[in-house]
């Protein structure tokens, strides 16, 4: 059974999935789940649809029963279904789908899905299922080993390298993890060089020196030595084929293993300069994340230096400049995300918060008003609106937003206490003392030590 892309589906099913994605953004989970189930029934090998289905299942499961989702997120079911996917993979696939529809956090169901998919030749789907187990049980060594092998079988050796790295972080001397890393690294090199396309392995190598280099990669060496060798080999392949995007990916992966983020970013940008790289959204995302990480590190370094010498005006100025650069970068990236994905309400919320932080209140209010259409961020958007109106001294509208947010929050957690405090503060500024004290008392009854609530209540009753 082949794995298929969404573009290979029947046009009606393609339209159905497009609508399902929109429905997911709008919080219409039942529609998304029904649409995905309908498509997967006729095309079980369409992994993008299965990913969409899982996203909807997890959101639906956690929103309906947060306690159960937390309590049973790592339940494995004792391996009761072990082996079923190998005997009758088609039937096992149906069983796993039914189990995941009820509980997408069931590890036993995900393992059954992996077995069934492997039996049907859906190798990427099998890796996807085991990767979902990893998200639930990140320290499950046995699953990580299976996942690494699954990524190699699916032709994704770079992912296998990441999995091996995760295993070695758990236990640096893990022999099986080291073996997986060597196997994945060699597979990555072979795949990207296309050396297994024809002839024998050694026949495809240019000379004996390359043969020795690659064979040595199968020996037990330190992670740093291996990564540096992979860097050198990848750089040589870039020089030989400067338009091959895969070689650039190999360079960035090797530099990442060495922890040299500056070099990773530089090579990601070189990859994006290629015609094939310019149209790759994963590279765009990677560049954004790397730039943010580097700016964060620079800010922490500047903060530490300024704290060590508080009277040094040069260090203070450098700290202010670095902080401004980070804020500007995040704002630029948030705007670009919203421009490309106008129905991404969480992205609009992030942009609104950054604009508010930058003092662009009116622009922030526009984003918060749009973001509140997204059920998953509605309350946060209402809070943002309240703070925006409060900063503009439009207190009656601020009160309206905070009151609505308060009503939609059930548990008296930190978020609700913050909302009530903001509401009470608005009443204080408006001169409505009794209303303010009534709100402060709600917090006081739950958390006497919250901010200065205790002092406010004591001062009120001492009058």
Protein backbone atom coordinates (compact mmCIF):
# COMPACT_ATOMS: atom_id res chain seq x y z
CA UNK A 1 0.00 0.00 0.00
CA UNK A 2 1.65 3.28 -1.08
CA UNK A 3 1.79 6.48 0.94
CA UNK A 4 0.17 9.34 -0.95
CA UNK A 5 0.26 13.13 -0.91
CA UNK A 6 -2.84 15.28 -0.50
CA UNK A 7 -2.38 16.46 -4.09
CA UNK A 8 -2.80 12.85 -5.25
CA UNK A 9 -6.24 12.52 -3.64
CA UNK A 10 -9.53 12.79 -5.44
CA UNK A 11 -10.30 16.52 -6.00
CA UNK A 12 -13.36 16.22 -3.77
CA UNK A 13 -11.24 14.85 -0.97
CA UNK A 14 -8.64 17.60 -1.50
CA UNK A 15 -11.39 20.20 -1.08
CA UNK A 16 -12.70 18.38 1.97
CA UNK A 17 -9.25 18.49 3.62
CA UNK A 18 -8.84 22.18 2.78
CA UNK A 19 -12.13 22.81 4.57
CA UNK A 20 -11.03 20.59 7.45
CA UNK A 21 -7.92 22.71 8.00
CA UNK A 22 -10.04 25.87 8.08
CA UNK A 23 -12.43 24.18 10.49
CA UNK A 24 -9.54 23.27 12.80
CA UNK A 25 -8.42 26.92 12.89
CA UNK A 26 -11.96 27.91 13.82
CA UNK A 27 -12.24 25.27 16.53
CA UNK A 28 -14.82 23.21 14.62
CA UNK A 29 -13.22 19.94 15.64
CA UNK A 30 -16.11 17.58 14.85
CA UNK A 31 -16.05 18.63 11.20
CA UNK A 32 -12.27 18.18 11.00
CA UNK A 33 -12.44 14.72 12.59
CA UNK A 34 -15.28 13.54 10.33
CA UNK A 35 -13.54 14.82 7.20
CA UNK A 36 -10.21 13.18 8.08
CA UNK A 37 -11.87 9.86 8.93
CA UNK A 38 -13.72 9.89 5.62
CA UNK A 39 -10.55 10.53 3.60
CA UNK A 40 -8.38 8.06 5.53
CA UNK A 41 -10.95 5.34 4.96
CA UNK A 42 -10.20 5.41 1.25
CA UNK A 43 -6.58 6.64 1.49
CA UNK A 44 -5.05 5.35 4.75
CA UNK A 45 -1.58 6.17 3.45
CA UNK A 46 -2.16 9.93 3.31
CA UNK A 47 0.07 11.02 6.19
CA UNK A 48 -0.73 14.79 6.05
CA UNK A 49 -4.39 13.93 6.67
CA UNK A 50 -3.44 11.65 9.55
CA UNK A 51 -1.39 14.47 11.06
CA UNK A 52 -4.35 16.82 10.75
CA UNK A 53 -6.60 14.21 12.34
CA UNK A 54 -4.24 13.77 15.29
CA UNK A 55 -4.03 17.52 15.91
CA UNK A 56 -7.84 17.68 16.06
CA UNK A 57 -8.09 14.55 18.23
CA UNK A 58 -5.63 15.88 20.80
CA UNK A 59 -7.29 19.26 20.99
CA UNK A 60 -10.74 17.69 21.30
CA UNK A 61 -9.62 15.17 23.93
CA UNK A 62 -7.84 17.70 26.12
CA UNK A 63 -10.60 20.29 25.92
CA UNK A 64 -13.29 17.78 26.91
CA UNK A 65 -11.46 16.14 29.76
CA UNK A 66 -8.29 17.90 30.90
CA UNK A 67 -7.92 15.69 33.99
CA UNK A 68 -8.15 12.45 32.06
CA UNK A 69 -5.80 13.74 29.38
CA UNK A 70 -3.21 14.56 32.03
CA UNK A 71 -3.73 11.42 34.07
CA UNK A 72 -3.65 8.92 31.22
CA UNK A 73 -1.37 10.71 28.73
CA UNK A 74 1.32 8.08 29.14
CA UNK A 75 -0.88 4.97 29.57
CA UNK A 76 0.57 2.10 27.60
CA UNK A 77 -2.10 -0.50 28.07
CA UNK A 78 0.50 -3.09 29.03
CA UNK A 79 1.18 -4.00 25.39
CA UNK A 80 -2.04 -6.01 25.11
CA UNK A 81 -2.15 -5.53 21.34
CA UNK A 82 1.49 -6.47 20.73
CA UNK A 83 1.94 -8.43 17.52
CA UNK A 84 -1.58 -7.83 16.23
CA UNK A 85 -0.35 -5.38 13.62
CA UNK A 86 1.91 -8.01 12.05
CA UNK A 87 -0.71 -10.77 11.77
CA UNK A 88 -3.47 -8.72 10.12
CA UNK A 89 -2.19 -5.17 9.50
CA UNK A 90 -5.36 -3.93 7.75
CA UNK A 91 -7.58 -4.98 10.65
CA UNK A 92 -5.04 -3.70 13.16
CA UNK A 93 -5.04 -0.33 11.42
CA UNK A 94 -8.81 -0.06 11.87
CA UNK A 95 -8.51 -1.08 15.52
CA UNK A 96 -5.80 1.47 16.23
CA UNK A 97 -7.82 4.22 14.58
CA UNK A 98 -10.87 3.34 16.68
CA UNK A 99 -8.77 3.35 19.87
CA UNK A 100 -7.14 6.69 19.02
CA UNK A 101 -10.53 8.23 18.25
CA UNK A 102 -11.47 7.56 21.88
CA UNK A 103 -8.07 8.39 23.41
CA UNK A 104 -5.34 9.88 21.19
CA UNK A 105 -2.92 9.70 24.14
CA UNK A 106 -3.06 5.89 24.26
CA UNK A 107 0.48 4.61 23.79
CA UNK A 108 -0.75 1.07 23.09
CA UNK A 109 -2.95 2.36 20.27
CA UNK A 110 -0.06 4.31 18.76
CA UNK A 111 2.20 1.26 18.93
CA UNK A 112 -0.51 -0.78 17.21
CA UNK A 113 -0.78 1.91 14.53
CA UNK A 114 3.00 1.74 14.00
CA UNK A 115 2.91 -2.06 13.66
CA UNK A 116 -0.04 -1.96 11.27
CA UNK A 117 1.47 0.80 9.13
CA UNK A 118 4.78 -1.06 8.92
CA UNK A 119 2.97 -4.23 7.88
CA UNK A 120 1.18 -2.31 5.13
CA UNK A 121 4.39 -0.72 3.88
CA UNK A 122 3.46 2.74 5.20
CA UNK A 123 6.90 3.43 6.62
CA UNK A 124 6.53 7.18 7.22
CA UNK A 125 3.20 6.56 8.96
CA UNK A 126 4.88 4.01 11.21
CA UNK A 127 7.55 6.57 12.12
CA UNK A 128 4.84 9.17 12.70
CA UNK A 129 3.08 6.87 15.20
CA UNK A 130 6.29 6.12 17.11
CA UNK A 131 7.15 9.83 17.11
CA UNK A 132 3.76 10.47 18.71
CA UNK A 133 4.74 7.99 21.43
CA UNK A 134 7.96 9.95 21.88
CA UNK A 135 5.96 13.13 22.51
CA UNK A 136 4.05 11.33 25.26
CA UNK A 137 7.01 9.41 26.69
CA UNK A 138 10.18 11.33 25.72
CA UNK A 139 12.44 9.16 27.89
CA UNK A 140 11.12 5.80 26.65
CA UNK A 141 14.41 4.27 25.49
CA UNK A 142 12.87 1.23 23.77
CA UNK A 143 10.54 3.44 21.75
CA UNK A 144 13.34 5.83 20.79
CA UNK A 145 15.37 2.95 19.42
CA UNK A 146 12.39 1.74 17.39
CA UNK A 147 11.74 5.30 16.22
CA UNK A 148 15.30 5.74 15.02
CA UNK A 149 15.13 2.53 12.99
CA UNK A 150 11.73 3.57 11.64
CA UNK A 151 13.11 6.92 10.44
CA UNK A 152 15.94 5.14 8.63
CA UNK A 153 13.48 2.70 7.03
CA UNK A 154 11.32 5.64 5.95
CA UNK A 155 14.29 7.32 4.28
CA UNK A 156 14.59 10.07 6.90
CA UNK A 157 18.10 9.54 8.30
CA UNK A 158 18.38 13.14 9.54
CA UNK A 159 15.45 12.46 11.88
CA UNK A 160 17.12 9.24 12.97
CA UNK A 161 20.25 11.21 13.87
CA UNK A 162 18.16 13.53 16.06
CA UNK A 163 16.58 10.51 17.76
CA UNK A 164 19.99 8.96 18.42
CA UNK A 165 21.18 12.26 19.87
CA UNK A 166 18.19 12.26 22.24
CA UNK A 167 19.08 8.75 23.37
CA UNK A 168 22.70 9.71 23.99
CA UNK A 169 21.60 12.66 26.11
CA UNK A 170 19.78 10.17 28.33
CA UNK A 171 22.78 7.85 28.49
CA UNK A 172 26.00 8.92 26.70
CA UNK A 173 27.51 5.43 26.91
CA UNK A 174 24.47 3.67 25.41
CA UNK A 175 25.98 1.22 22.90
CA UNK A 176 22.72 0.72 20.99
CA UNK A 177 22.23 4.48 20.69
CA UNK A 178 25.80 4.89 19.41
CA UNK A 179 25.17 2.13 16.88
CA UNK A 180 21.97 3.87 15.78
CA UNK A 181 23.82 7.18 15.38
CA UNK A 182 26.52 5.58 13.23
CA UNK A 183 23.94 3.78 11.11
CA UNK A 184 21.85 6.93 10.68
CA UNK A 185 24.88 9.08 9.86
CA UNK A 186 26.06 6.67 7.19
CA UNK A 187 22.51 6.40 5.80
CA UNK A 188 22.31 10.17 5.68
CA UNK A 189 25.59 10.41 3.80
CA UNK A 190 24.63 7.65 1.37
CA UNK A 191 21.17 9.09 0.72
CA UNK A 192 22.32 12.64 0.13
CA UNK A 193 25.14 11.53 -2.12
CA UNK A 194 22.77 9.15 -3.95
CA UNK A 195 25.52 6.53 -3.75
CA UNK A 196 23.10 3.62 -3.66
CA UNK A 197 21.45 4.53 -6.95
CA UNK A 198 23.57 2.15 -8.99
CA UNK A 199 26.51 -0.18 -8.59
CA UNK A 200 28.16 -1.22 -5.36
CA UNK A 201 28.73 1.03 -2.39
CA UNK A 202 32.49 1.28 -2.94
CA UNK A 203 32.10 1.69 -6.72
CA UNK A 204 30.14 4.92 -6.17
CA UNK A 205 32.88 6.54 -4.14
CA UNK A 206 35.27 8.77 -6.01
CA UNK A 207 38.45 7.45 -4.50
CA UNK A 208 39.90 5.32 -1.76
CA UNK A 209 40.26 8.29 0.60
CA UNK A 210 36.49 8.84 0.57
CA UNK A 211 35.94 5.15 1.14
CA UNK A 212 38.18 5.15 4.20
CA UNK A 213 36.49 8.29 5.55
CA UNK A 214 33.01 6.84 5.26
CA UNK A 215 33.96 3.46 6.66
CA UNK A 216 35.56 5.14 9.66
CA UNK A 217 32.20 6.77 10.39
CA UNK A 218 31.00 3.30 11.37
CA UNK A 219 33.61 3.08 14.13
CA UNK A 220 33.01 4.17 17.71
CA UNK A 221 34.19 7.77 17.94
CA UNK A 222 33.12 10.74 19.98
CA UNK A 223 30.08 12.72 18.86
CA UNK A 224 32.19 15.83 18.22
CA UNK A 225 34.69 13.98 16.03
CA UNK A 226 31.91 12.39 14.00
CA UNK A 227 30.07 15.68 13.56
CA UNK A 228 33.23 17.48 12.43
CA UNK A 229 33.96 14.76 9.90
CA UNK A 230 30.39 15.02 8.60
CA UNK A 231 30.83 18.80 8.30
CA UNK A 232 33.99 18.37 6.23
CA UNK A 233 32.37 15.78 3.97
CA UNK A 234 29.20 17.85 3.52
CA UNK A 235 31.23 20.97 2.69
CA UNK A 236 33.09 18.98 0.04
CA UNK A 237 29.82 17.85 -1.49
CA UNK A 238 28.53 21.45 -1.54
CA UNK A 239 31.65 22.49 -3.40
CA UNK A 240 31.13 19.68 -5.92
CA UNK A 241 27.37 20.32 -6.33
CA UNK A 242 26.66 23.91 -5.23
CA UNK A 243 22.98 23.81 -6.25
CA UNK A 244 22.06 20.61 -4.38
CA UNK A 245 19.88 21.67 -1.41
CA UNK A 246 20.40 18.33 0.35
CA UNK A 247 24.10 19.05 0.79
CA UNK A 248 23.31 22.34 2.54
CA UNK A 249 20.96 20.50 4.89
CA UNK A 250 23.76 18.07 5.70
CA UNK A 251 26.08 20.96 6.58
CA UNK A 252 23.51 22.61 8.89
CA UNK A 253 22.74 19.28 10.58
CA UNK A 254 26.43 18.62 11.25
CA UNK A 255 27.05 22.13 12.59
CA UNK A 256 23.99 21.76 14.82
CA UNK A 257 25.53 18.65 16.37
CA UNK A 258 28.62 20.72 17.12
CA UNK A 259 26.48 23.40 18.76
CA UNK A 260 27.69 26.10 16.34
CA UNK A 261 24.42 27.96 15.84
CA UNK A 262 26.05 30.90 14.04
CA UNK A 263 27.29 28.53 11.34
CA UNK A 264 23.91 26.77 11.20
CA UNK A 265 22.15 30.09 10.60
CA UNK A 266 24.68 31.13 7.96
CA UNK A 267 24.19 27.89 6.02
CA UNK A 268 20.41 27.98 6.35
CA UNK A 269 20.53 31.41 4.73
CA UNK A 270 22.78 30.09 1.98
CA UNK A 271 20.28 27.27 1.40
CA UNK A 272 17.41 29.78 1.22
CA UNK A 273 19.35 31.71 -1.42
CA UNK A 274 19.00 28.71 -3.76
CA UNK A 275 15.91 28.55 -6.01
CA UNK A 276 14.77 25.33 -4.29
CA UNK A 277 15.43 26.75 -0.83
CA UNK A 278 13.56 30.00 -1.39
CA UNK A 279 10.30 28.08 -1.70
CA UNK A 280 10.93 25.80 1.31
CA UNK A 281 8.81 26.91 4.33
CA UNK A 282 10.75 24.65 6.70
CA UNK A 283 13.94 26.57 5.97
CA UNK A 284 12.17 29.87 6.53
CA UNK A 285 10.92 28.65 9.91
CA UNK A 286 14.36 27.31 10.81
CA UNK A 287 16.01 30.64 9.99
CA UNK A 288 13.49 32.52 12.13
CA UNK A 289 13.93 30.20 15.11
CA UNK A 290 17.73 30.29 14.88
CA UNK A 291 17.85 34.08 14.67
CA UNK A 292 15.56 34.35 17.69
CA UNK A 293 17.70 31.87 19.64
CA UNK A 294 20.90 33.76 18.86
CA UNK A 295 19.37 37.10 19.85
CA UNK A 296 18.08 35.55 23.08
CA UNK A 297 21.59 34.31 23.88
CA UNK A 298 23.07 37.73 23.11
CA UNK A 299 20.51 39.37 25.39
CA UNK A 300 21.31 37.00 28.28
CA UNK A 301 25.01 37.68 27.82
CA UNK A 302 24.43 41.45 27.77
CA UNK A 303 22.24 41.22 30.88
CA UNK A 304 24.91 39.26 32.74
CA UNK A 305 27.62 41.75 31.74
CA UNK A 306 25.52 44.75 32.76
CA UNK A 307 24.61 43.13 36.08
CA UNK A 308 28.28 42.48 36.84
CA UNK A 309 29.15 46.16 36.24
CA UNK A 310 26.00 48.19 36.94
CA UNK A 311 27.81 51.54 36.65
CA UNK A 312 29.24 50.84 33.19
CA UNK A 313 27.27 53.04 30.76
CA UNK A 314 28.71 51.28 27.70
CA UNK A 315 27.42 47.90 28.88
CA UNK A 316 24.05 49.44 29.76
CA UNK A 317 23.80 50.92 26.25
CA UNK A 318 24.75 47.57 24.70
CA UNK A 319 22.03 45.87 26.74
CA UNK A 320 19.42 48.38 25.59
CA UNK A 321 20.48 47.95 21.95
CA UNK A 322 20.37 44.15 22.14
CA UNK A 323 16.95 44.22 23.78
CA UNK A 324 15.63 46.57 21.08
CA UNK A 325 17.01 44.31 18.34
CA UNK A 326 15.25 41.28 19.81
CA UNK A 327 11.93 43.11 20.17
CA UNK A 328 12.19 44.45 16.62
CA UNK A 329 13.03 41.01 15.22
CA UNK A 330 10.15 39.28 17.01
CA UNK A 331 7.75 41.98 15.87
CA UNK A 332 8.90 41.69 12.26
CA UNK A 333 8.55 37.91 12.31
CA UNK A 334 5.11 38.06 13.96
CA UNK A 335 3.87 40.51 11.33
CA UNK A 336 5.20 38.31 8.53
CA UNK A 337 3.46 35.25 10.01
CA UNK A 338 0.11 37.04 10.24
CA UNK A 339 0.45 38.37 6.70
CA UNK A 340 1.02 34.85 5.38
CA UNK A 341 -1.55 33.14 7.62
CA UNK A 342 -4.32 35.66 8.38
CA UNK A 343 -6.54 32.98 9.97
CA UNK A 344 -3.86 31.92 12.45
CA UNK A 345 -5.46 33.41 15.57
CA UNK A 346 -2.68 32.38 18.01
CA UNK A 347 -0.24 34.22 15.71
CA UNK A 348 -2.44 37.30 15.86
CA UNK A 349 -2.43 37.09 19.65
CA UNK A 350 1.38 36.97 19.70
CA UNK A 351 1.56 39.96 17.35
CA UNK A 352 -0.91 41.90 19.51
CA UNK A 353 1.13 41.27 22.66
CA UNK A 354 4.35 42.38 20.94
CA UNK A 355 2.70 45.52 19.57
CA UNK A 356 1.31 46.36 23.00
CA UNK A 357 4.76 45.86 24.52
CA UNK A 358 6.19 48.19 21.87
CA UNK A 359 3.62 50.88 22.71
CA UNK A 360 1.67 50.51 19.44
CA UNK A 361 -1.64 50.23 21.26
CA UNK A 362 -4.11 50.85 18.44
CA UNK A 363 -2.39 48.30 16.19
CA UNK A 364 -2.38 45.84 19.09
CA UNK A 365 -6.12 46.28 19.64
CA UNK A 366 -6.79 45.40 16.01
CA UNK A 367 -4.91 42.11 16.41
CA UNK A 368 -6.59 41.26 19.72
CA UNK A 369 -10.03 41.86 18.20
CA UNK A 370 -9.24 39.41 15.42
CA UNK A 371 -7.58 36.90 17.75
CA UNK A 372 -10.64 36.59 19.99
CA UNK A 373 -12.37 34.78 17.10
CA UNK A 374 -10.11 31.80 17.85
CA UNK A 375 -11.61 29.70 20.69
CA UNK A 376 -8.21 28.52 21.89
CA UNK A 377 -6.95 32.09 22.47
CA UNK A 378 -10.20 33.97 23.06
CA UNK A 379 -9.65 34.64 26.77
CA UNK A 380 -6.05 35.74 26.25
CA UNK A 381 -7.22 38.10 23.49
CA UNK A 382 -9.89 39.58 25.79
CA UNK A 383 -7.21 40.22 28.40
CA UNK A 384 -5.05 41.89 25.77
CA UNK A 385 -7.97 44.10 24.74
CA UNK A 386 -8.60 45.04 28.35
CA UNK A 387 -4.97 46.02 28.89
CA UNK A 388 -4.93 47.98 25.65
CA UNK A 389 -8.05 49.96 26.52
CA UNK A 390 -6.71 50.51 30.05
CA UNK A 391 -3.49 51.99 28.68
CA UNK A 392 -5.56 54.37 26.54
CA UNK A 393 -7.62 55.34 29.63
CA UNK A 394 -10.80 53.99 28.03
CA UNK A 395 -11.69 52.33 31.30
CA UNK A 396 -15.33 51.41 30.65
CA UNK A 397 -14.29 49.30 27.66
CA UNK A 398 -11.40 47.83 29.65
CA UNK A 399 -13.85 46.82 32.39
CA UNK A 400 -16.08 45.16 29.79
CA UNK A 401 -13.22 43.03 28.44
CA UNK A 402 -11.93 41.99 31.87
CA UNK A 403 -15.45 41.17 33.07
CA UNK A 404 -16.05 38.96 30.04
CA UNK A 405 -12.72 37.20 30.50
CA UNK A 406 -13.43 36.69 34.19
CA UNK A 407 -16.77 35.04 33.39
CA UNK A 408 -15.16 32.63 30.93
CA UNK A 409 -12.52 31.44 33.41
CA UNK A 410 -13.75 28.81 35.85
CA UNK A 411 -10.86 27.90 38.15
CA UNK A 412 -9.28 30.57 40.36
CA UNK A 413 -5.81 30.09 38.88
CA UNK A 414 -3.07 32.65 38.25
CA UNK A 415 -4.73 33.81 35.03
CA UNK A 416 -8.08 34.49 36.66
CA UNK A 417 -6.47 36.23 39.63
CA UNK A 418 -4.57 38.46 37.19
CA UNK A 419 -7.77 39.30 35.31
CA UNK A 420 -9.63 40.14 38.52
CA UNK A 421 -6.73 42.30 39.71
CA UNK A 422 -6.76 44.23 36.42
CA UNK A 423 -10.54 44.68 36.70
CA UNK A 424 -10.28 45.92 40.28
CA UNK A 425 -7.48 48.31 39.30
CA UNK A 426 -9.73 49.80 36.62
CA UNK A 427 -12.45 50.35 39.19
CA UNK A 428 -9.90 52.05 41.47
CA UNK A 429 -8.87 54.50 38.75
CA UNK A 430 -12.55 55.17 38.02
CA UNK A 431 -13.12 56.00 41.68
CA UNK A 432 -15.46 53.03 42.20
CA UNK A 433 -14.00 51.94 45.50
CA UNK A 434 -16.67 49.45 46.55
CA UNK A 435 -16.57 47.66 43.20
CA UNK A 436 -12.78 47.52 43.39
CA UNK A 437 -12.78 46.11 46.92
CA UNK A 438 -15.39 43.52 45.96
CA UNK A 439 -13.05 42.23 43.25
CA UNK A 440 -9.95 42.34 45.44
CA UNK A 441 -11.83 40.32 48.08
CA UNK A 442 -12.39 37.52 45.57
CA UNK A 443 -8.62 37.16 45.30
CA UNK A 444 -8.08 37.72 49.03
CA UNK A 445 -10.38 34.81 49.86
CA UNK A 446 -8.21 32.48 47.75
CA UNK A 447 -4.69 33.94 48.01
CA UNK A 448 -3.95 36.46 50.77
CA UNK A 449 -0.39 36.95 49.54
CA UNK A 450 -1.26 37.82 45.93
CA UNK A 451 0.55 41.03 44.96
CA UNK A 452 -0.60 43.85 47.28
CA UNK A 453 -4.17 42.63 47.70
CA UNK A 454 -3.70 42.00 51.44
CA UNK A 455 -2.50 45.58 51.95
CA UNK A 456 -5.45 46.99 50.00
CA UNK A 457 -8.00 45.01 51.99
CA UNK A 458 -6.35 45.90 55.32
CA UNK A 459 -6.20 49.60 54.40
CA UNK A 460 -9.85 49.59 53.37
CA UNK A 461 -11.12 48.08 56.61
CA UNK A 462 -8.86 50.25 58.75
CA UNK A 463 -10.60 53.40 57.55
